[in-house]
Protein backbone atom coordinates (compact mmCIF):
# COMPACT_ATOMS: atom_id res chain seq x y z
CA MET A 1 7.11 17.71 -4.12
CA GLU A 2 10.14 17.75 -2.12
CA ALA A 3 12.15 14.74 -1.28
CA CYS A 4 11.27 15.61 2.58
CA GLN A 5 7.40 14.92 1.89
CA ILE A 6 7.93 12.00 0.07
CA GLU A 7 9.98 10.56 2.81
CA ASN A 8 7.52 11.27 5.25
CA ILE A 9 4.59 9.77 3.27
CA LEU A 10 7.27 6.33 2.68
CA TYR A 11 8.10 6.35 6.52
CA ALA A 12 4.61 6.96 7.58
CA GLY A 13 3.29 3.67 5.48
CA ILE A 14 6.28 1.91 7.50
CA VAL A 15 5.22 3.10 10.83
CA GLY A 16 2.01 1.97 10.37
CA ASP A 17 2.94 -1.42 9.33
CA ALA A 18 5.33 -1.73 12.63
CA LEU A 19 2.69 -0.66 14.75
CA GLY A 20 0.31 -3.28 13.46
CA VAL A 21 2.90 -6.10 13.45
CA PRO A 22 2.37 -7.03 16.99
CA VAL A 23 -1.36 -7.11 17.08
CA GLU A 24 -1.94 -8.76 13.52
CA PHE A 25 -4.54 -10.84 13.57
CA LYS A 26 -6.04 -10.22 17.07
CA LYS A 27 -9.59 -9.56 17.93
CA ARG A 28 -11.09 -5.74 17.81
CA ASP A 29 -11.31 -4.28 21.28
CA SER A 30 -9.06 -7.17 22.81
CA TYR A 31 -6.34 -4.57 23.24
CA TYR A 32 -5.31 -0.95 22.71
CA LEU A 33 -2.08 0.29 21.03
CA ASP A 34 -0.89 4.07 20.83
CA ASP A 35 2.95 2.82 20.95
CA MET A 36 5.47 0.70 19.48
CA THR A 37 5.61 -2.79 21.15
CA ASP A 38 7.15 -5.99 20.56
CA SER A 39 6.13 -9.63 20.84
CA GLY A 40 2.96 -10.24 20.24
CA THR A 41 1.77 -12.19 17.07
CA TRP A 42 4.93 -12.81 15.42
CA GLU A 43 7.17 -12.53 18.41
CA GLN A 44 9.67 -9.89 16.77
CA PRO A 45 11.55 -6.87 18.36
CA LYS A 46 9.76 -3.46 18.65
CA GLY A 47 9.58 -1.63 15.65
CA SER A 48 9.73 -4.64 13.44
CA TRP A 49 7.91 -4.15 9.73
CA SER A 50 6.39 -6.77 7.66
CA ASP A 51 5.91 -7.74 4.42
CA ASP A 52 4.31 -4.54 3.49
CA THR A 53 7.24 -3.03 3.61
CA SER A 54 9.50 -5.69 2.62
CA PHE A 55 7.75 -5.78 -0.94
CA SER A 56 7.25 -1.60 -0.91
CA LEU A 57 11.14 -1.54 -0.65
CA PRO A 58 12.03 -3.41 -3.72
CA LEU A 59 9.72 -1.44 -5.71
CA MET A 60 11.20 1.95 -4.48
CA GLU A 61 14.57 0.22 -5.27
CA ASN A 62 13.69 -0.64 -8.84
CA LEU A 63 12.02 2.42 -9.90
CA THR A 64 15.04 4.24 -8.68
CA GLU A 65 17.31 2.24 -11.00
CA GLY A 66 14.98 1.85 -13.76
CA GLY A 67 14.64 -1.68 -13.64
CA ASN A 68 11.97 -3.92 -15.24
CA TYR A 69 9.47 -6.33 -13.95
CA ASP A 70 11.46 -9.62 -14.24
CA GLN A 71 14.31 -7.49 -12.10
CA LEU A 72 11.42 -6.45 -9.25
CA MET A 73 10.60 -9.91 -9.62
CA LYS A 74 13.91 -10.92 -8.56
CA LYS A 75 14.04 -8.46 -5.82
CA PHE A 76 10.59 -10.10 -4.47
CA ASP A 77 12.33 -13.80 -4.83
CA ASN A 78 15.47 -12.34 -2.99
CA TYR A 79 13.01 -11.37 0.14
CA MET A 80 11.13 -14.53 -0.28
CA PHE A 81 14.08 -16.98 -0.38
CA HIS A 82 17.10 -14.84 0.52
CA ASN A 83 15.51 -12.76 3.55
CA GLN A 84 16.48 -9.43 2.00
CA TYR A 85 14.46 -6.36 2.34
CA THR A 86 13.72 -7.54 6.12
CA PRO A 87 14.00 -5.90 9.47
CA ASP A 88 16.48 -8.56 10.90
CA ASP A 89 17.48 -10.81 8.19
CA GLN A 90 14.01 -12.70 8.93
CA THR A 91 11.13 -13.36 6.49
CA PHE A 92 7.91 -13.75 8.18
CA GLY A 93 4.13 -13.40 7.44
CA ILE A 94 4.38 -13.30 3.53
CA GLY A 95 0.52 -13.84 2.20
CA ASN A 96 -0.43 -16.92 0.04
CA THR A 97 -1.32 -15.07 -3.24
CA CYS A 98 2.28 -13.16 -3.19
CA THR A 99 4.05 -16.46 -2.20
CA LYS A 100 2.33 -18.24 -5.12
CA ALA A 101 3.27 -15.46 -7.53
CA ILE A 102 6.66 -15.21 -6.62
CA ARG A 103 7.08 -19.07 -6.98
CA ASN A 104 5.33 -19.17 -10.47
CA TRP A 105 7.82 -16.66 -11.25
CA SER A 106 11.09 -17.99 -9.94
CA VAL A 107 10.20 -22.09 -10.17
CA ASN A 108 7.50 -22.28 -12.51
CA HIS A 109 9.36 -19.90 -15.06
CA TYR A 110 6.04 -18.02 -15.51
CA SER A 111 6.50 -14.62 -17.11
CA ALA A 112 6.47 -11.61 -14.72
CA LEU A 113 2.99 -10.00 -15.93
CA LYS A 114 1.25 -13.51 -16.13
CA SER A 115 2.86 -14.75 -12.36
CA GLY A 116 -0.04 -13.26 -10.17
CA ASP A 117 -3.24 -15.26 -9.35
CA THR A 118 -6.09 -14.63 -11.69
CA SER A 119 -8.51 -16.69 -8.87
CA VAL A 120 -11.56 -14.57 -7.27
CA TYR A 121 -10.21 -16.11 -4.01
CA ALA A 122 -6.77 -14.41 -4.62
CA ASN A 123 -8.28 -10.88 -4.02
CA GLY A 124 -6.78 -10.06 -0.84
CA ASN A 125 -4.71 -6.72 -0.40
CA GLY A 126 -0.87 -8.10 -1.06
CA ALA A 127 -0.52 -5.47 -4.22
CA LEU A 128 -2.20 -2.88 -2.46
CA MET A 129 0.36 -2.63 0.31
CA ARG A 130 3.11 -1.97 -1.82
CA LEU A 131 2.30 0.43 -4.55
CA ALA A 132 2.42 3.59 -3.09
CA PRO A 133 5.89 4.22 -4.34
CA LEU A 134 4.20 3.82 -7.72
CA ALA A 135 1.65 6.52 -7.10
CA ILE A 136 4.71 8.74 -6.19
CA HIS A 137 6.50 7.94 -9.15
CA LEU A 138 3.38 8.56 -11.45
CA MET A 139 2.69 11.83 -9.63
CA ASP A 140 3.19 14.14 -12.61
CA GLU A 141 1.77 11.70 -15.31
CA PRO A 142 -1.08 13.26 -16.88
CA ASP A 143 -2.39 10.54 -19.12
CA LEU A 144 -4.60 8.70 -16.90
CA GLN A 145 -4.49 5.47 -19.34
CA LYS A 146 -1.02 5.46 -19.01
CA ARG A 147 -1.30 5.48 -14.86
CA LEU A 148 -3.99 2.63 -15.24
CA LYS A 149 -2.17 0.62 -17.74
CA LEU A 150 1.30 0.73 -15.13
CA THR A 151 -1.18 0.30 -12.14
CA LYS A 152 -2.00 -3.01 -13.74
CA ASN A 153 1.15 -4.21 -14.49
CA TYR A 154 2.48 -3.98 -11.23
CA THR A 155 -0.50 -5.25 -9.39
CA SER A 156 -0.56 -8.40 -11.87
CA LEU A 157 2.90 -9.41 -10.77
CA THR A 158 1.04 -11.02 -7.57
CA HIS A 159 -2.79 -10.27 -8.26
CA ARG A 160 -4.18 -10.61 -11.49
CA HIS A 161 -8.12 -11.08 -10.52
CA PRO A 162 -10.19 -7.64 -11.99
CA ARG A 163 -11.10 -7.09 -8.59
CA ALA A 164 -7.89 -6.58 -7.07
CA ILE A 165 -6.67 -4.65 -10.18
CA VAL A 166 -9.70 -2.34 -9.63
CA GLY A 167 -8.58 -1.71 -6.21
CA SER A 168 -5.15 -0.62 -7.39
CA TYR A 169 -6.89 1.82 -9.75
CA ILE A 170 -8.97 3.32 -7.00
CA TYR A 171 -6.02 3.37 -4.29
CA LEU A 172 -3.40 4.82 -6.78
CA GLU A 173 -5.95 7.52 -8.42
CA ILE A 174 -6.59 8.65 -4.92
CA LEU A 175 -3.05 8.77 -4.09
CA HIS A 176 -2.64 10.86 -7.50
CA ALA A 177 -5.16 13.11 -6.83
CA LEU A 178 -4.10 13.87 -3.30
CA LEU A 179 -0.73 14.53 -4.10
CA ASN A 180 -1.55 16.93 -6.60
CA GLY A 181 -3.58 19.03 -4.09
CA GLN A 182 -7.28 17.78 -4.66
CA PRO A 183 -9.48 17.35 -1.29
CA PHE A 184 -10.01 13.89 -0.13
CA ARG A 185 -13.82 14.02 -0.26
CA ARG A 186 -13.96 15.97 -3.48
CA VAL A 187 -11.87 12.88 -4.89
CA LEU A 188 -14.36 10.39 -3.47
CA GLU A 189 -17.10 12.42 -5.02
CA THR A 190 -15.56 12.41 -8.59
CA LEU A 191 -13.48 9.24 -8.86
CA PRO A 192 -16.16 6.60 -9.64
CA ASP A 193 -17.30 8.75 -12.91
CA LYS A 194 -13.73 8.97 -14.06
CA LEU A 195 -13.00 5.23 -13.88
CA THR A 196 -16.33 4.73 -14.90
CA LYS A 197 -15.53 6.33 -18.28
CA ALA A 198 -11.58 5.36 -18.56
CA LEU A 199 -12.91 1.67 -18.14
CA GLN A 200 -15.11 1.18 -21.01
CA ASN A 201 -12.91 -0.83 -22.89
CA GLN A 202 -12.12 -3.06 -19.66
CA PRO A 203 -15.49 -4.60 -19.10
CA ASP A 204 -14.02 -7.02 -16.52
CA GLU A 205 -12.71 -4.33 -14.68
CA LEU A 206 -15.64 -2.23 -14.97
CA ALA A 207 -17.79 -5.10 -13.74
CA GLU A 208 -15.85 -4.84 -10.28
CA LEU A 209 -16.41 -1.23 -9.46
CA PRO A 210 -19.62 -1.61 -7.56
CA ASN A 211 -17.92 -3.71 -5.13
CA TYR A 212 -16.17 -0.56 -3.86
CA GLU A 213 -19.46 2.00 -4.06
CA ALA A 214 -19.80 2.16 -0.44
CA MET A 215 -16.54 3.97 -0.19
CA PHE A 216 -17.91 7.00 -2.34
CA LYS A 217 -21.21 7.68 -0.68
CA SER A 218 -21.09 11.05 0.93
CA ASP A 219 -22.20 9.33 4.40
CA PHE A 220 -19.53 6.91 4.04
CA ASP A 221 -17.79 8.63 7.29
CA THR A 222 -20.72 8.09 9.60
CA THR A 223 -20.39 4.38 9.15
CA LEU A 224 -20.53 2.96 12.66
CA ARG A 225 -17.11 1.16 13.68
CA GLN A 226 -18.69 -2.12 14.45
CA ASN A 227 -19.63 -2.18 10.66
CA ILE A 228 -16.09 -1.63 9.45
CA LYS A 229 -14.16 -4.79 8.32
CA SER A 230 -10.42 -4.53 8.94
CA THR A 231 -9.67 -7.98 6.89
CA GLY A 232 -7.45 -8.66 4.34
CA TYR A 233 -9.32 -8.67 1.82
CA VAL A 234 -8.58 -5.97 -0.83
CA VAL A 235 -12.37 -4.48 -0.50
CA ASP A 236 -12.54 -4.09 3.07
CA THR A 237 -8.76 -3.04 3.56
CA LEU A 238 -9.28 0.03 0.98
CA LEU A 239 -13.07 1.01 2.46
CA THR A 240 -11.19 0.80 6.17
CA CYS A 241 -8.35 2.93 5.25
CA THR A 242 -10.67 5.40 3.85
CA TRP A 243 -12.91 5.42 6.71
CA CYS A 244 -9.94 5.98 8.90
CA VAL A 245 -8.68 8.90 7.25
CA LEU A 246 -12.15 10.39 6.88
CA ASN A 247 -12.20 10.26 10.88
CA SER A 248 -9.02 11.49 11.42
CA THR A 249 -7.48 15.08 11.86
CA SER A 250 -3.98 13.97 11.93
CA ILE A 251 -1.60 11.16 10.57
CA ASP A 252 -0.92 9.74 14.04
CA SER A 253 -4.62 9.90 15.22
CA ALA A 254 -5.56 7.78 11.60
CA VAL A 255 -2.72 5.23 12.52
CA ILE A 256 -4.04 4.61 15.89
CA LEU A 257 -7.71 4.33 15.00
CA ALA A 258 -6.60 1.88 11.83
CA VAL A 259 -4.26 0.01 14.13
CA ASN A 260 -6.76 -0.53 16.87
CA LEU A 261 -9.53 -2.18 14.50
CA GLY A 262 -7.88 -5.67 14.78
CA ASP A 263 -7.58 -8.39 12.13
CA ASP A 264 -5.17 -6.99 9.38
CA THR A 265 -3.61 -4.67 11.44
CA ASP A 266 -0.41 -3.95 9.66
CA THR A 267 -1.76 -3.63 6.40
CA VAL A 268 -4.87 -1.46 7.25
CA ALA A 269 -2.27 1.01 9.45
CA SER A 270 0.41 1.02 6.68
CA ILE A 271 -2.28 1.88 4.00
CA THR A 272 -3.94 4.46 6.65
CA ALA A 273 -0.78 6.36 7.22
CA THR A 274 -0.02 6.32 3.60
CA LEU A 275 -3.57 7.81 2.58
CA ALA A 276 -3.37 10.45 5.58
CA SER A 277 0.10 11.50 4.64
CA CYS A 278 -0.68 12.21 1.27
CA GLU A 279 -3.88 13.97 2.19
CA MET A 280 -2.29 16.16 5.10
CA LEU A 281 1.04 16.97 3.49
CA SER A 282 1.84 19.43 5.99
CA ASP A 283 1.61 16.80 8.66
CA HIS A 284 4.43 14.21 9.92
CA ILE A 285 4.46 10.93 11.39
CA SER A 286 5.59 11.05 14.77
CA ASP A 287 9.12 10.97 15.05
CA GLU A 288 9.32 8.81 18.49
CA TRP A 289 7.80 6.02 16.51
CA LYS A 290 9.86 6.69 13.23
CA LYS A 291 13.14 6.47 15.29
CA GLN A 292 12.09 3.05 16.54
CA LEU A 293 11.70 1.33 13.28
CA ARG A 294 14.26 -1.64 12.89
CA ASN A 295 17.30 -1.51 10.46
CA GLN A 296 17.29 1.90 9.63
CA ASP A 297 20.27 1.90 7.76
CA LEU A 298 18.43 -0.41 5.14
CA LEU A 299 15.42 2.02 4.90
CA LYS A 300 17.41 5.17 4.53
CA SER A 301 19.70 3.39 1.87
CA ILE A 302 16.69 2.94 -0.31
CA ILE A 303 14.11 5.46 0.57
CA GLU A 304 16.68 8.79 0.20
CA PRO A 305 17.58 7.74 -3.16
CA PHE A 306 14.15 7.06 -4.31
CA ALA A 307 12.77 10.23 -2.52
CA LYS A 308 15.76 12.64 -4.29
CA SER A 309 15.19 10.91 -7.67
CA GLU A 310 11.29 11.43 -7.54
CA ALA A 311 11.58 15.17 -6.31
CA LYS A 312 13.12 16.05 -9.41
CA GLN A 313 10.91 17.67 -12.20
CA ASP A 314 11.91 15.92 -15.22
CA LYS A 315 11.12 12.20 -14.65
CA SER A 316 10.92 9.26 -17.14
CA LEU A 317 8.35 6.78 -16.48
CA ILE A 318 8.87 3.29 -16.81
CA ALA A 319 6.84 1.52 -19.63
């Protein structure tokens, strides 16, 4: 994959994030959005991105540097406590589960892979939202078990319940297949059996697969909009983003569909944009939206080296 394609995927996710920030938590159909706006929920300037991007940037940087899990947690700590990786040197909107995990590592001195919350009530989308760079990093990795192990580890930094881990498995395996040229509908058709076989030695994760079964049905795309739940619950998020892409013909149209569903608009729009850009590799996110993003210098300083590194054929993967 070329560096410019990688950059398009990453910027698409950030654009989706920024489009959704002003209307996060708003009720569906109480607004209509098809462009960048300011103020709103978080009273931020136009083009401001949220924790979705502020957690993704450290991951990109860490993968480029070949850093370990503790080094990544330190970057998360720098974001939460020192306003790094932010659009305007201001941290806002970090979810409770991510906050708890960072405090577990920073204040309570948990090991990185034990910092994530194991509670069934900690199954938000806070890991899902940041993992696209890992999917790009693993694009050329043929070993499914190795991909799943790394996905579990990077998820567990903040979310350790098996349901959240399975959500990450599904998301990253979809991205892996799309990046390797498989059609989205074909991926959805074959992935359940693939994961069922792969998780035979992970009974806790295997037991969570049925929570996601609706998205794999052949007629899922015909689900009525009123039955699509755009909440921050990891299952709802993954189903909603899949539905948006299945019902769109471009990255931009998928993002607009997602951002107008209400509730967790920034994360839903960001993940939808990422999925759409991986499926439609020849399409590009709107340049008009992209150029309105805040803190372009920071974005460029992290995204360009990551994309250049990952575009190389000979990549060494983090264990």
